[in-house]
């Protein structure tokens, strides 16, 4: 609603974040869907078949919902079943990731990998798994999203998706200045990079 209001006013603005259908104005956004897809494909290429998704898969959290769509796309492409019981709602916190993983464990569902829709969720998941005797990545692989500073210091270090926020900031400033000068600008959907560390198990092979 705020974006639509700015658009009606004729204001110069560029948004950063999830790209929504029919979104007015210009944007710099992360390609959440394909970034998550690459993460899940990495896990399926490693042989994982029962991958849990921890994150809110609804329109109320568009970033997470786009990442869930990438998760589904990768599973279907690999010929795997999308089990709705392996999707557990979790918001961006270690506590929520921990609790979602406990819910998975209590449900006695079989899973061999977890994709956390954020690094904090994934870090909470690792803590819960280790407290319940599960080895990461030997028993359960874990992948996060965001590459926050602590991701490289977890035990084991977290495989994750890195968004180039520095470049995004530069593009945002550059494009808003172009708009002010009356120059044409283009919306940009930025690819992200998979940072492979130890939590996914790739280094065991």
N, C-alpha and C. Protein backbone atom coordinates (compact mmCIF):
# COMPACT_ATOMS: atom_id res chain seq x y z
N UNK A 1 0.83 -1.20 0.00
CA UNK A 1 0.00 0.00 0.00
C UNK A 1 0.87 1.26 0.00
N UNK A 2 1.94 1.26 0.78
CA UNK A 2 2.83 2.42 0.83
C UNK A 2 3.50 2.65 -0.52
N UNK A 3 3.91 1.54 -1.16
CA UNK A 3 4.54 1.66 -2.47
C UNK A 3 3.56 2.21 -3.50
N UNK A 4 2.32 1.71 -3.46
CA UNK A 4 1.30 2.19 -4.39
C UNK A 4 1.02 3.68 -4.17
N UNK A 5 1.04 4.10 -2.90
CA UNK A 5 0.81 5.52 -2.58
C UNK A 5 1.93 6.39 -3.15
N UNK A 6 3.17 5.95 -3.00
CA UNK A 6 4.30 6.68 -3.55
C UNK A 6 4.20 6.78 -5.07
N UNK A 7 3.76 5.67 -5.68
CA UNK A 7 3.63 5.65 -7.13
C UNK A 7 2.58 6.64 -7.60
N UNK A 8 1.46 6.71 -6.89
CA UNK A 8 0.39 7.65 -7.25
C UNK A 8 0.85 9.10 -7.10
N UNK A 9 1.72 9.35 -6.13
CA UNK A 9 2.24 10.70 -5.91
C UNK A 9 3.27 11.12 -6.96
N UNK A 10 3.74 10.15 -7.72
CA UNK A 10 4.79 10.44 -8.69
C UNK A 10 6.15 10.61 -8.06
N UNK A 11 6.33 10.04 -6.87
CA UNK A 11 7.60 10.16 -6.15
C UNK A 11 8.69 9.32 -6.81
N UNK A 12 9.94 9.76 -6.64
CA UNK A 12 11.08 8.97 -7.09
C UNK A 12 11.43 7.96 -6.00
N UNK A 13 11.35 6.70 -6.30
CA UNK A 13 11.70 5.69 -5.30
C UNK A 13 12.13 4.40 -5.98
N UNK A 14 12.95 3.67 -5.26
CA UNK A 14 13.36 2.33 -5.68
C UNK A 14 13.28 1.45 -4.45
N UNK A 15 12.73 0.27 -4.59
CA UNK A 15 12.58 -0.62 -3.44
C UNK A 15 13.66 -1.71 -3.46
N UNK A 16 14.01 -2.16 -2.26
CA UNK A 16 14.90 -3.31 -2.08
C UNK A 16 14.13 -4.37 -1.32
N UNK A 17 14.20 -5.60 -1.80
CA UNK A 17 13.50 -6.68 -1.11
C UNK A 17 12.84 -7.61 -2.10
N UNK A 18 11.86 -8.38 -1.63
CA UNK A 18 11.20 -9.33 -2.52
C UNK A 18 10.45 -8.61 -3.63
N UNK A 19 10.51 -9.17 -4.82
CA UNK A 19 9.81 -8.59 -5.95
C UNK A 19 8.44 -9.23 -6.05
N UNK A 20 7.39 -8.42 -5.96
CA UNK A 20 6.03 -8.91 -5.96
C UNK A 20 5.39 -8.72 -7.33
N UNK A 21 4.39 -9.54 -7.62
CA UNK A 21 3.68 -9.44 -8.89
C UNK A 21 3.03 -8.06 -9.03
N UNK A 22 3.15 -7.47 -10.21
CA UNK A 22 2.55 -6.17 -10.53
C UNK A 22 3.02 -5.07 -9.58
N UNK A 23 4.22 -5.20 -9.07
CA UNK A 23 4.76 -4.20 -8.15
C UNK A 23 5.08 -2.91 -8.90
N UNK A 24 4.57 -1.77 -8.47
CA UNK A 24 4.85 -0.52 -9.18
C UNK A 24 6.26 -0.02 -8.91
N UNK A 25 6.72 0.86 -9.78
CA UNK A 25 8.02 1.47 -9.57
C UNK A 25 9.17 0.57 -9.97
N UNK A 26 10.35 0.95 -9.54
CA UNK A 26 11.56 0.20 -9.86
C UNK A 26 12.08 -0.51 -8.61
N UNK A 27 12.84 -1.56 -8.81
CA UNK A 27 13.31 -2.34 -7.66
C UNK A 27 14.72 -2.87 -7.90
N UNK A 28 15.40 -3.12 -6.80
CA UNK A 28 16.62 -3.92 -6.77
C UNK A 28 16.29 -5.06 -5.82
N UNK A 29 16.27 -6.27 -6.31
CA UNK A 29 15.84 -7.38 -5.46
C UNK A 29 16.72 -8.60 -5.61
N UNK A 30 16.70 -9.45 -4.60
CA UNK A 30 17.40 -10.73 -4.65
C UNK A 30 16.52 -11.76 -5.34
N UNK A 31 17.12 -12.58 -6.17
CA UNK A 31 16.38 -13.66 -6.82
C UNK A 31 16.22 -14.80 -5.82
N UNK A 32 15.27 -14.61 -4.91
CA UNK A 32 15.07 -15.57 -3.82
C UNK A 32 14.74 -16.96 -4.33
N UNK A 33 13.87 -17.03 -5.34
CA UNK A 33 13.42 -18.33 -5.84
C UNK A 33 14.60 -19.15 -6.38
N UNK A 34 15.34 -18.57 -7.30
CA UNK A 34 16.43 -19.33 -7.91
C UNK A 34 17.61 -19.54 -6.97
N UNK A 35 17.79 -18.64 -6.02
CA UNK A 35 18.85 -18.84 -5.04
C UNK A 35 18.55 -20.03 -4.14
N UNK A 36 17.29 -20.14 -3.70
CA UNK A 36 16.89 -21.30 -2.90
C UNK A 36 16.93 -22.56 -3.74
N UNK A 37 16.51 -22.44 -4.99
CA UNK A 37 16.55 -23.59 -5.91
C UNK A 37 17.97 -24.16 -6.00
N UNK A 38 18.96 -23.29 -6.17
CA UNK A 38 20.34 -23.75 -6.26
C UNK A 38 20.80 -24.44 -4.98
N UNK A 39 20.33 -23.93 -3.84
CA UNK A 39 20.69 -24.54 -2.55
C UNK A 39 20.12 -25.95 -2.43
N UNK A 40 18.85 -26.10 -2.79
CA UNK A 40 18.22 -27.42 -2.70
C UNK A 40 18.81 -28.36 -3.73
N UNK A 41 19.08 -27.86 -4.93
CA UNK A 41 19.71 -28.70 -5.96
C UNK A 41 21.07 -29.18 -5.48
N UNK A 42 21.79 -28.33 -4.78
CA UNK A 42 23.08 -28.74 -4.21
C UNK A 42 22.87 -29.92 -3.26
N UNK A 43 21.84 -29.85 -2.44
CA UNK A 43 21.56 -30.94 -1.50
C UNK A 43 21.13 -32.21 -2.22
N UNK A 44 20.27 -32.08 -3.23
CA UNK A 44 19.83 -33.28 -3.97
C UNK A 44 21.00 -33.88 -4.75
N UNK A 45 21.89 -33.04 -5.26
CA UNK A 45 23.07 -33.55 -5.96
C UNK A 45 23.98 -34.33 -5.02
N UNK A 46 23.94 -33.97 -3.73
CA UNK A 46 24.72 -34.70 -2.72
C UNK A 46 24.03 -35.99 -2.29
N UNK A 47 22.82 -36.22 -2.80
CA UNK A 47 22.11 -37.46 -2.51
C UNK A 47 20.99 -37.35 -1.50
N UNK A 48 20.72 -36.16 -1.01
CA UNK A 48 19.64 -35.99 -0.02
C UNK A 48 18.28 -36.05 -0.70
N UNK A 49 17.37 -36.76 -0.08
CA UNK A 49 16.05 -36.97 -0.68
C UNK A 49 14.90 -36.49 0.19
N UNK A 50 15.14 -36.34 1.48
CA UNK A 50 14.07 -35.91 2.39
C UNK A 50 14.53 -34.62 3.08
N UNK A 51 14.24 -33.53 2.40
CA UNK A 51 14.75 -32.22 2.82
C UNK A 51 13.63 -31.40 3.44
N UNK A 52 13.84 -30.96 4.66
CA UNK A 52 12.85 -30.13 5.36
C UNK A 52 13.08 -28.66 5.03
N UNK A 53 11.99 -27.91 5.01
CA UNK A 53 12.05 -26.45 4.81
C UNK A 53 11.55 -25.79 6.07
N UNK A 54 12.41 -25.00 6.71
CA UNK A 54 12.03 -24.27 7.91
C UNK A 54 11.89 -22.79 7.56
N UNK A 55 10.66 -22.30 7.57
CA UNK A 55 10.38 -20.92 7.21
C UNK A 55 8.90 -20.77 6.90
N UNK A 56 8.40 -19.56 6.96
CA UNK A 56 6.98 -19.30 6.72
C UNK A 56 6.73 -19.25 5.22
N UNK A 57 6.01 -20.23 4.71
CA UNK A 57 5.73 -20.32 3.28
C UNK A 57 4.36 -19.73 2.98
N UNK A 58 4.26 -18.42 3.10
CA UNK A 58 2.98 -17.75 2.83
C UNK A 58 3.24 -16.36 2.28
N UNK A 59 2.19 -15.75 1.74
CA UNK A 59 2.33 -14.41 1.16
C UNK A 59 2.66 -13.36 2.22
N UNK A 60 2.46 -13.70 3.49
CA UNK A 60 2.78 -12.76 4.56
C UNK A 60 4.30 -12.58 4.72
N UNK A 61 5.06 -13.55 4.24
CA UNK A 61 6.52 -13.44 4.23
C UNK A 61 7.01 -13.71 2.82
N UNK A 62 6.89 -12.72 1.92
CA UNK A 62 7.18 -12.96 0.51
C UNK A 62 8.58 -13.48 0.23
N UNK A 63 9.60 -13.02 1.00
CA UNK A 63 10.95 -13.55 0.78
C UNK A 63 10.98 -15.05 1.01
N UNK A 64 10.43 -15.46 2.14
CA UNK A 64 10.41 -16.88 2.49
C UNK A 64 9.55 -17.67 1.51
N UNK A 65 8.44 -17.09 1.10
CA UNK A 65 7.55 -17.78 0.17
C UNK A 65 8.25 -18.03 -1.16
N UNK A 66 9.01 -17.04 -1.64
CA UNK A 66 9.76 -17.23 -2.88
C UNK A 66 10.83 -18.29 -2.71
N UNK A 67 11.45 -18.34 -1.54
CA UNK A 67 12.46 -19.37 -1.28
C UNK A 67 11.80 -20.75 -1.21
N UNK A 68 10.59 -20.79 -0.68
CA UNK A 68 9.87 -22.07 -0.64
C UNK A 68 9.54 -22.53 -2.06
N UNK A 69 9.17 -21.62 -2.93
CA UNK A 69 8.89 -21.98 -4.32
C UNK A 69 10.13 -22.55 -4.99
N UNK A 70 11.29 -21.99 -4.67
CA UNK A 70 12.54 -22.53 -5.20
C UNK A 70 12.82 -23.93 -4.66
N UNK A 71 12.50 -24.13 -3.40
CA UNK A 71 12.62 -25.45 -2.75
C UNK A 71 11.76 -26.47 -3.47
N UNK A 72 10.51 -26.12 -3.70
CA UNK A 72 9.58 -27.02 -4.39
C UNK A 72 10.06 -27.32 -5.80
N UNK A 73 10.49 -26.30 -6.51
CA UNK A 73 10.97 -26.47 -7.88
C UNK A 73 12.13 -27.46 -7.95
N UNK A 74 13.08 -27.34 -7.03
CA UNK A 74 14.24 -28.22 -7.03
C UNK A 74 13.86 -29.66 -6.70
N UNK A 75 12.95 -29.83 -5.74
CA UNK A 75 12.52 -31.19 -5.39
C UNK A 75 11.82 -31.86 -6.56
N UNK A 76 10.90 -31.15 -7.18
CA UNK A 76 10.15 -31.73 -8.30
C UNK A 76 11.09 -32.05 -9.47
N UNK A 77 12.03 -31.17 -9.71
CA UNK A 77 12.98 -31.40 -10.80
C UNK A 77 13.82 -32.64 -10.54
N UNK A 78 14.09 -32.91 -9.27
CA UNK A 78 14.88 -34.10 -8.90
C UNK A 78 14.02 -35.35 -8.81
N UNK A 79 12.72 -35.22 -9.08
CA UNK A 79 11.82 -36.37 -9.02
C UNK A 79 11.44 -36.77 -7.61
N UNK A 80 11.52 -35.83 -6.68
CA UNK A 80 11.22 -36.12 -5.28
C UNK A 80 9.83 -35.61 -4.90
N UNK A 81 9.27 -36.21 -3.87
CA UNK A 81 7.95 -35.82 -3.38
C UNK A 81 8.08 -34.60 -2.47
N UNK A 82 7.16 -33.66 -2.64
CA UNK A 82 7.08 -32.50 -1.74
C UNK A 82 6.14 -32.87 -0.60
N UNK A 83 6.71 -33.16 0.56
CA UNK A 83 5.92 -33.57 1.71
C UNK A 83 5.59 -32.33 2.55
N UNK A 84 4.31 -31.92 2.61
CA UNK A 84 3.96 -30.71 3.37
C UNK A 84 4.32 -30.80 4.85
N UNK A 85 4.46 -32.02 5.37
CA UNK A 85 4.82 -32.17 6.78
C UNK A 85 6.28 -31.80 7.05
N UNK A 86 7.06 -31.70 5.97
CA UNK A 86 8.46 -31.31 6.13
C UNK A 86 8.65 -29.80 5.99
N UNK A 87 7.55 -29.07 5.89
CA UNK A 87 7.62 -27.60 5.93
C UNK A 87 7.09 -27.16 7.28
N UNK A 88 7.95 -26.54 8.06
CA UNK A 88 7.59 -26.07 9.40
C UNK A 88 7.76 -24.56 9.45
N UNK A 89 6.71 -23.87 9.88
CA UNK A 89 6.78 -22.41 9.99
C UNK A 89 7.85 -21.99 11.00
N UNK A 90 8.65 -21.03 10.60
CA UNK A 90 9.65 -20.46 11.50
C UNK A 90 9.99 -19.06 11.00
N UNK A 91 9.99 -18.10 11.92
CA UNK A 91 10.41 -16.75 11.56
C UNK A 91 11.92 -16.62 11.80
N UNK A 92 12.47 -15.47 11.49
CA UNK A 92 13.92 -15.29 11.51
C UNK A 92 14.47 -15.12 12.92
N UNK A 93 14.74 -16.25 13.58
CA UNK A 93 15.43 -16.22 14.86
C UNK A 93 15.98 -17.61 15.14
N UNK A 94 17.04 -17.67 15.93
CA UNK A 94 17.59 -18.97 16.31
C UNK A 94 16.56 -19.77 17.10
N UNK A 95 15.82 -19.09 17.96
CA UNK A 95 14.81 -19.77 18.78
C UNK A 95 13.76 -20.45 17.92
N UNK A 96 13.29 -19.74 16.88
CA UNK A 96 12.26 -20.31 16.01
C UNK A 96 12.82 -21.49 15.22
N UNK A 97 14.07 -21.39 14.77
CA UNK A 97 14.69 -22.50 14.07
C UNK A 97 14.86 -23.70 14.97
N UNK A 98 15.23 -23.44 16.21
CA UNK A 98 15.38 -24.50 17.21
C UNK A 98 14.05 -25.20 17.45
N UNK A 99 13.01 -24.41 17.69
CA UNK A 99 11.69 -24.98 17.99
C UNK A 99 11.11 -25.74 16.79
N UNK A 100 11.33 -25.22 15.59
CA UNK A 100 10.83 -25.91 14.40
C UNK A 100 11.51 -27.26 14.22
N UNK A 101 12.80 -27.31 14.53
CA UNK A 101 13.53 -28.57 14.42
C UNK A 101 13.08 -29.56 15.48
N UNK A 102 12.82 -29.08 16.68
CA UNK A 102 12.28 -29.95 17.73
C UNK A 102 10.94 -30.54 17.28
N UNK A 103 10.12 -29.72 16.63
CA UNK A 103 8.84 -30.20 16.11
C UNK A 103 9.05 -31.31 15.07
N UNK A 104 10.04 -31.13 14.22
CA UNK A 104 10.36 -32.18 13.25
C UNK A 104 10.76 -33.47 13.95
N UNK A 105 11.63 -33.34 14.93
CA UNK A 105 12.13 -34.51 15.64
C UNK A 105 11.03 -35.22 16.42
N UNK A 106 10.16 -34.44 17.06
CA UNK A 106 9.06 -35.04 17.82
C UNK A 106 8.05 -35.73 16.91
N UNK A 107 7.91 -35.22 15.69
CA UNK A 107 6.99 -35.83 14.74
C UNK A 107 7.51 -37.12 14.16
N UNK A 108 8.75 -37.47 14.50
CA UNK A 108 9.38 -38.71 14.04
C UNK A 108 9.36 -38.83 12.52
N UNK A 109 9.45 -37.67 11.85
CA UNK A 109 9.52 -37.66 10.40
C UNK A 109 10.95 -37.94 9.97
N UNK A 110 11.10 -38.71 8.93
CA UNK A 110 12.43 -38.98 8.41
C UNK A 110 12.88 -37.81 7.54
N UNK A 111 14.05 -37.28 7.83
CA UNK A 111 14.62 -36.21 7.00
C UNK A 111 16.13 -36.30 7.08
N UNK A 112 16.77 -35.99 5.97
CA UNK A 112 18.23 -36.08 5.93
C UNK A 112 18.90 -34.74 5.67
N UNK A 113 18.09 -33.68 5.54
CA UNK A 113 18.65 -32.34 5.34
C UNK A 113 17.62 -31.30 5.75
N UNK A 114 18.11 -30.13 6.11
CA UNK A 114 17.25 -29.00 6.47
C UNK A 114 17.71 -27.77 5.69
N UNK A 115 16.75 -27.10 5.07
CA UNK A 115 17.01 -25.78 4.49
C UNK A 115 16.34 -24.75 5.38
N UNK A 116 17.15 -23.90 6.00
CA UNK A 116 16.60 -22.81 6.81
C UNK A 116 16.43 -21.58 5.93
N UNK A 117 15.24 -20.99 5.94
CA UNK A 117 14.97 -19.83 5.08
C UNK A 117 15.79 -18.61 5.49
N UNK A 118 16.48 -18.68 6.61
CA UNK A 118 17.45 -17.66 7.00
C UNK A 118 18.56 -18.36 7.78
N UNK A 119 19.70 -17.69 7.90
CA UNK A 119 20.81 -18.27 8.66
C UNK A 119 20.45 -18.47 10.12
N UNK A 120 19.73 -17.52 10.71
CA UNK A 120 19.37 -17.66 12.12
C UNK A 120 18.52 -18.90 12.35
N UNK A 121 17.60 -19.17 11.43
CA UNK A 121 16.79 -20.39 11.53
C UNK A 121 17.70 -21.61 11.44
N UNK A 122 18.62 -21.61 10.48
CA UNK A 122 19.52 -22.74 10.30
C UNK A 122 20.42 -22.96 11.51
N UNK A 123 20.90 -21.88 12.11
CA UNK A 123 21.75 -21.99 13.30
C UNK A 123 20.98 -22.60 14.46
N UNK A 124 19.73 -22.18 14.63
CA UNK A 124 18.88 -22.78 15.66
C UNK A 124 18.64 -24.25 15.39
N UNK A 125 18.50 -24.60 14.11
CA UNK A 125 18.29 -26.01 13.74
C UNK A 125 19.50 -26.86 14.11
N UNK A 126 20.69 -26.35 13.83
CA UNK A 126 21.91 -27.09 14.17
C UNK A 126 21.98 -27.35 15.67
N UNK A 127 21.66 -26.36 16.46
CA UNK A 127 21.69 -26.50 17.92
C UNK A 127 20.73 -27.60 18.38
N UNK A 128 19.52 -27.59 17.84
CA UNK A 128 18.52 -28.60 18.23
C UNK A 128 18.96 -30.00 17.81
N UNK A 129 19.48 -30.12 16.60
CA UNK A 129 19.93 -31.42 16.11
C UNK A 129 21.04 -31.98 17.00
N UNK A 130 22.02 -31.15 17.31
CA UNK A 130 23.16 -31.61 18.10
C UNK A 130 22.75 -31.97 19.52
N UNK A 131 21.82 -31.22 20.09
CA UNK A 131 21.34 -31.53 21.44
C UNK A 131 20.59 -32.86 21.48
N UNK A 132 20.07 -33.28 20.33
CA UNK A 132 19.31 -34.54 20.27
C UNK A 132 20.11 -35.65 19.59
N UNK A 133 21.42 -35.52 19.62
CA UNK A 133 22.29 -36.60 19.18
C UNK A 133 22.45 -36.75 17.68
N UNK A 134 22.02 -35.76 16.92
CA UNK A 134 22.17 -35.81 15.47
C UNK A 134 23.44 -35.08 15.06
N UNK A 135 24.24 -35.73 14.25
CA UNK A 135 25.48 -35.11 13.78
C UNK A 135 25.21 -34.31 12.51
N UNK A 136 25.79 -33.12 12.47
CA UNK A 136 25.70 -32.26 11.29
C UNK A 136 27.11 -32.15 10.70
N UNK A 137 27.31 -32.60 9.46
CA UNK A 137 26.31 -33.00 8.46
C UNK A 137 26.14 -34.50 8.29
N UNK A 138 26.83 -35.31 9.11
CA UNK A 138 26.82 -36.76 8.86
C UNK A 138 25.41 -37.35 8.88
N UNK A 139 24.58 -36.92 9.84
CA UNK A 139 23.21 -37.43 9.93
C UNK A 139 22.22 -36.52 9.21
N UNK A 140 22.38 -35.24 9.38
CA UNK A 140 21.48 -34.25 8.76
C UNK A 140 22.31 -33.08 8.24
N UNK A 141 22.20 -32.81 6.95
CA UNK A 141 22.86 -31.64 6.37
C UNK A 141 22.00 -30.40 6.63
N UNK A 142 22.65 -29.25 6.76
CA UNK A 142 21.91 -28.00 7.02
C UNK A 142 22.46 -26.90 6.11
N UNK A 143 21.53 -26.16 5.50
CA UNK A 143 21.88 -25.01 4.65
C UNK A 143 21.04 -23.82 5.09
N UNK A 144 21.64 -22.64 5.12
CA UNK A 144 20.91 -21.42 5.48
C UNK A 144 20.80 -20.45 4.33
N UNK A 145 20.48 -19.21 4.67
CA UNK A 145 20.31 -18.17 3.64
C UNK A 145 20.61 -16.81 4.26
N UNK A 146 21.55 -16.07 3.71
CA UNK A 146 21.89 -14.68 4.07
C UNK A 146 23.39 -14.47 4.25
N UNK A 147 24.11 -15.52 4.67
CA UNK A 147 25.54 -15.42 4.98
C UNK A 147 25.83 -14.29 5.97
N UNK A 148 25.16 -14.35 7.11
CA UNK A 148 25.42 -13.38 8.17
C UNK A 148 26.83 -13.64 8.73
N UNK A 149 27.44 -12.67 9.41
CA UNK A 149 28.83 -12.84 9.87
C UNK A 149 29.07 -14.09 10.72
N UNK A 150 28.10 -14.48 11.55
CA UNK A 150 28.32 -15.64 12.42
C UNK A 150 28.22 -16.97 11.67
N UNK A 151 27.77 -16.96 10.42
CA UNK A 151 27.57 -18.22 9.69
C UNK A 151 28.87 -19.00 9.53
N UNK A 152 29.98 -18.30 9.40
CA UNK A 152 31.26 -18.99 9.22
C UNK A 152 31.86 -19.46 10.54
N UNK A 153 31.25 -19.09 11.67
CA UNK A 153 31.78 -19.44 12.98
C UNK A 153 30.95 -20.49 13.71
N UNK A 154 29.88 -20.97 13.08
CA UNK A 154 29.08 -22.01 13.72
C UNK A 154 29.87 -23.32 13.68
N UNK A 155 29.41 -24.30 14.42
CA UNK A 155 30.05 -25.61 14.45
C UNK A 155 29.05 -26.69 14.01
N UNK A 156 29.18 -27.16 12.78
CA UNK A 156 30.17 -26.82 11.75
C UNK A 156 29.82 -25.50 11.05
N UNK A 157 30.78 -24.90 10.34
CA UNK A 157 30.49 -23.68 9.60
C UNK A 157 29.33 -23.90 8.62
N UNK A 158 28.49 -22.89 8.50
CA UNK A 158 27.21 -23.03 7.80
C UNK A 158 27.32 -22.76 6.30
N UNK A 159 26.88 -23.73 5.51
CA UNK A 159 26.67 -23.50 4.07
C UNK A 159 25.45 -22.60 3.92
N UNK A 160 25.57 -21.59 3.07
CA UNK A 160 24.50 -20.59 3.02
C UNK A 160 24.50 -19.85 1.68
N UNK A 161 23.52 -19.00 1.52
CA UNK A 161 23.39 -18.17 0.31
C UNK A 161 23.80 -16.75 0.66
N UNK A 162 24.65 -16.17 -0.17
CA UNK A 162 25.11 -14.80 0.07
C UNK A 162 24.48 -13.84 -0.92
N UNK A 163 23.80 -12.82 -0.39
CA UNK A 163 23.30 -11.73 -1.21
C UNK A 163 24.35 -10.62 -1.21
N UNK A 164 24.58 -10.03 -2.36
CA UNK A 164 25.58 -8.97 -2.46
C UNK A 164 24.93 -7.64 -2.07
N UNK A 165 24.80 -7.43 -0.75
CA UNK A 165 24.11 -6.23 -0.27
C UNK A 165 24.92 -4.96 -0.53
N UNK A 166 26.24 -5.08 -0.58
CA UNK A 166 27.07 -3.90 -0.89
C UNK A 166 26.77 -3.40 -2.30
N UNK A 167 26.76 -4.33 -3.26
CA UNK A 167 26.43 -3.95 -4.63
C UNK A 167 25.00 -3.44 -4.73
N UNK A 168 24.09 -4.08 -3.99
CA UNK A 168 22.69 -3.64 -4.01
C UNK A 168 22.57 -2.20 -3.53
N UNK A 169 23.30 -1.87 -2.46
CA UNK A 169 23.27 -0.50 -1.94
C UNK A 169 23.79 0.50 -2.96
N UNK A 170 24.87 0.13 -3.64
CA UNK A 170 25.44 1.02 -4.66
C UNK A 170 24.45 1.22 -5.81
N UNK A 171 23.78 0.15 -6.22
CA UNK A 171 22.82 0.24 -7.31
C UNK A 171 21.60 1.07 -6.91
N UNK A 172 21.17 0.92 -5.66
CA UNK A 172 20.04 1.70 -5.18
C UNK A 172 20.34 3.20 -5.25
N UNK A 173 21.51 3.58 -4.74
CA UNK A 173 21.88 5.00 -4.75
C UNK A 173 22.04 5.50 -6.18
N UNK A 174 22.72 4.72 -7.01
CA UNK A 174 22.95 5.12 -8.40
C UNK A 174 21.64 5.31 -9.15
N UNK A 175 20.71 4.38 -8.95
CA UNK A 175 19.44 4.45 -9.68
C UNK A 175 18.54 5.57 -9.19
N UNK A 176 18.54 5.84 -7.88
CA UNK A 176 17.68 6.93 -7.39
C UNK A 176 18.22 8.27 -7.90
N UNK A 177 19.55 8.41 -8.01
CA UNK A 177 20.13 9.63 -8.56
C UNK A 177 19.77 9.78 -10.04
N UNK A 178 19.75 8.66 -10.75
CA UNK A 178 19.35 8.70 -12.16
C UNK A 178 17.89 9.14 -12.29
N UNK A 179 17.03 8.62 -11.41
CA UNK A 179 15.62 9.02 -11.44
C UNK A 179 15.47 10.52 -11.20
N UNK A 180 16.21 11.03 -10.23
CA UNK A 180 16.14 12.46 -9.91
C UNK A 180 16.58 13.30 -11.11
N UNK A 181 17.56 12.78 -11.86
CA UNK A 181 18.05 13.51 -13.04
C UNK A 181 17.16 13.31 -14.26
N UNK A 182 16.13 12.46 -14.10
CA UNK A 182 15.22 12.21 -15.22
C UNK A 182 15.73 11.18 -16.20
N UNK A 183 16.73 10.40 -15.79
CA UNK A 183 17.29 9.37 -16.67
C UNK A 183 16.53 8.06 -16.51
N UNK A 184 16.63 7.21 -17.53
CA UNK A 184 15.97 5.90 -17.47
C UNK A 184 16.75 4.97 -16.54
N UNK A 185 16.01 4.16 -15.80
CA UNK A 185 16.63 3.13 -14.96
C UNK A 185 15.94 1.80 -15.22
N UNK A 186 16.63 0.74 -14.89
CA UNK A 186 16.07 -0.60 -15.07
C UNK A 186 16.00 -1.31 -13.72
N UNK A 187 14.94 -2.06 -13.52
CA UNK A 187 14.84 -2.89 -12.33
C UNK A 187 15.83 -4.05 -12.46
N UNK A 188 16.35 -4.49 -11.35
CA UNK A 188 17.38 -5.53 -11.37
C UNK A 188 17.04 -6.62 -10.36
N UNK A 189 17.02 -7.86 -10.82
CA UNK A 189 16.86 -9.01 -9.94
C UNK A 189 18.23 -9.64 -9.80
N UNK A 190 18.83 -9.51 -8.63
CA UNK A 190 20.22 -9.90 -8.45
C UNK A 190 20.37 -11.38 -8.09
N UNK A 191 21.25 -12.10 -8.79
CA UNK A 191 21.51 -13.48 -8.39
C UNK A 191 22.31 -13.50 -7.10
N UNK A 192 22.18 -14.58 -6.36
CA UNK A 192 22.95 -14.75 -5.13
C UNK A 192 23.94 -15.90 -5.34
N UNK A 193 24.84 -16.06 -4.39
CA UNK A 193 25.91 -17.05 -4.52
C UNK A 193 25.84 -18.05 -3.38
N UNK A 194 25.97 -19.33 -3.73
CA UNK A 194 25.99 -20.38 -2.71
C UNK A 194 27.40 -20.47 -2.12
N UNK A 195 27.49 -20.28 -0.81
CA UNK A 195 28.76 -20.37 -0.10
C UNK A 195 28.82 -21.74 0.57
N UNK A 196 29.66 -22.60 0.04
CA UNK A 196 29.71 -23.99 0.53
C UNK A 196 30.73 -24.10 1.66
N UNK A 197 30.21 -24.47 2.83
CA UNK A 197 31.07 -24.72 4.00
C UNK A 197 30.83 -26.17 4.45
N UNK A 198 30.96 -26.46 5.72
CA UNK A 198 30.94 -27.85 6.17
C UNK A 198 29.56 -28.42 6.50
N UNK A 199 28.57 -27.57 6.77
CA UNK A 199 27.30 -28.08 7.30
C UNK A 199 26.48 -28.87 6.29
N UNK A 200 26.80 -28.75 4.99
CA UNK A 200 26.03 -29.48 3.98
C UNK A 200 26.60 -30.86 3.69
N UNK A 201 27.83 -31.10 4.12
CA UNK A 201 28.44 -32.40 3.91
C UNK A 201 29.23 -32.55 2.62
N UNK A 202 29.29 -31.49 1.82
CA UNK A 202 30.02 -31.59 0.55
C UNK A 202 31.49 -31.92 0.76
N UNK A 203 32.05 -31.43 1.86
CA UNK A 203 33.47 -31.63 2.11
C UNK A 203 33.78 -33.02 2.66
N UNK A 204 32.73 -33.82 2.92
CA UNK A 204 32.95 -35.19 3.39
C UNK A 204 33.17 -36.14 2.22
N UNK A 205 32.87 -35.67 1.01
CA UNK A 205 32.86 -36.57 -0.15
C UNK A 205 34.15 -36.48 -0.94
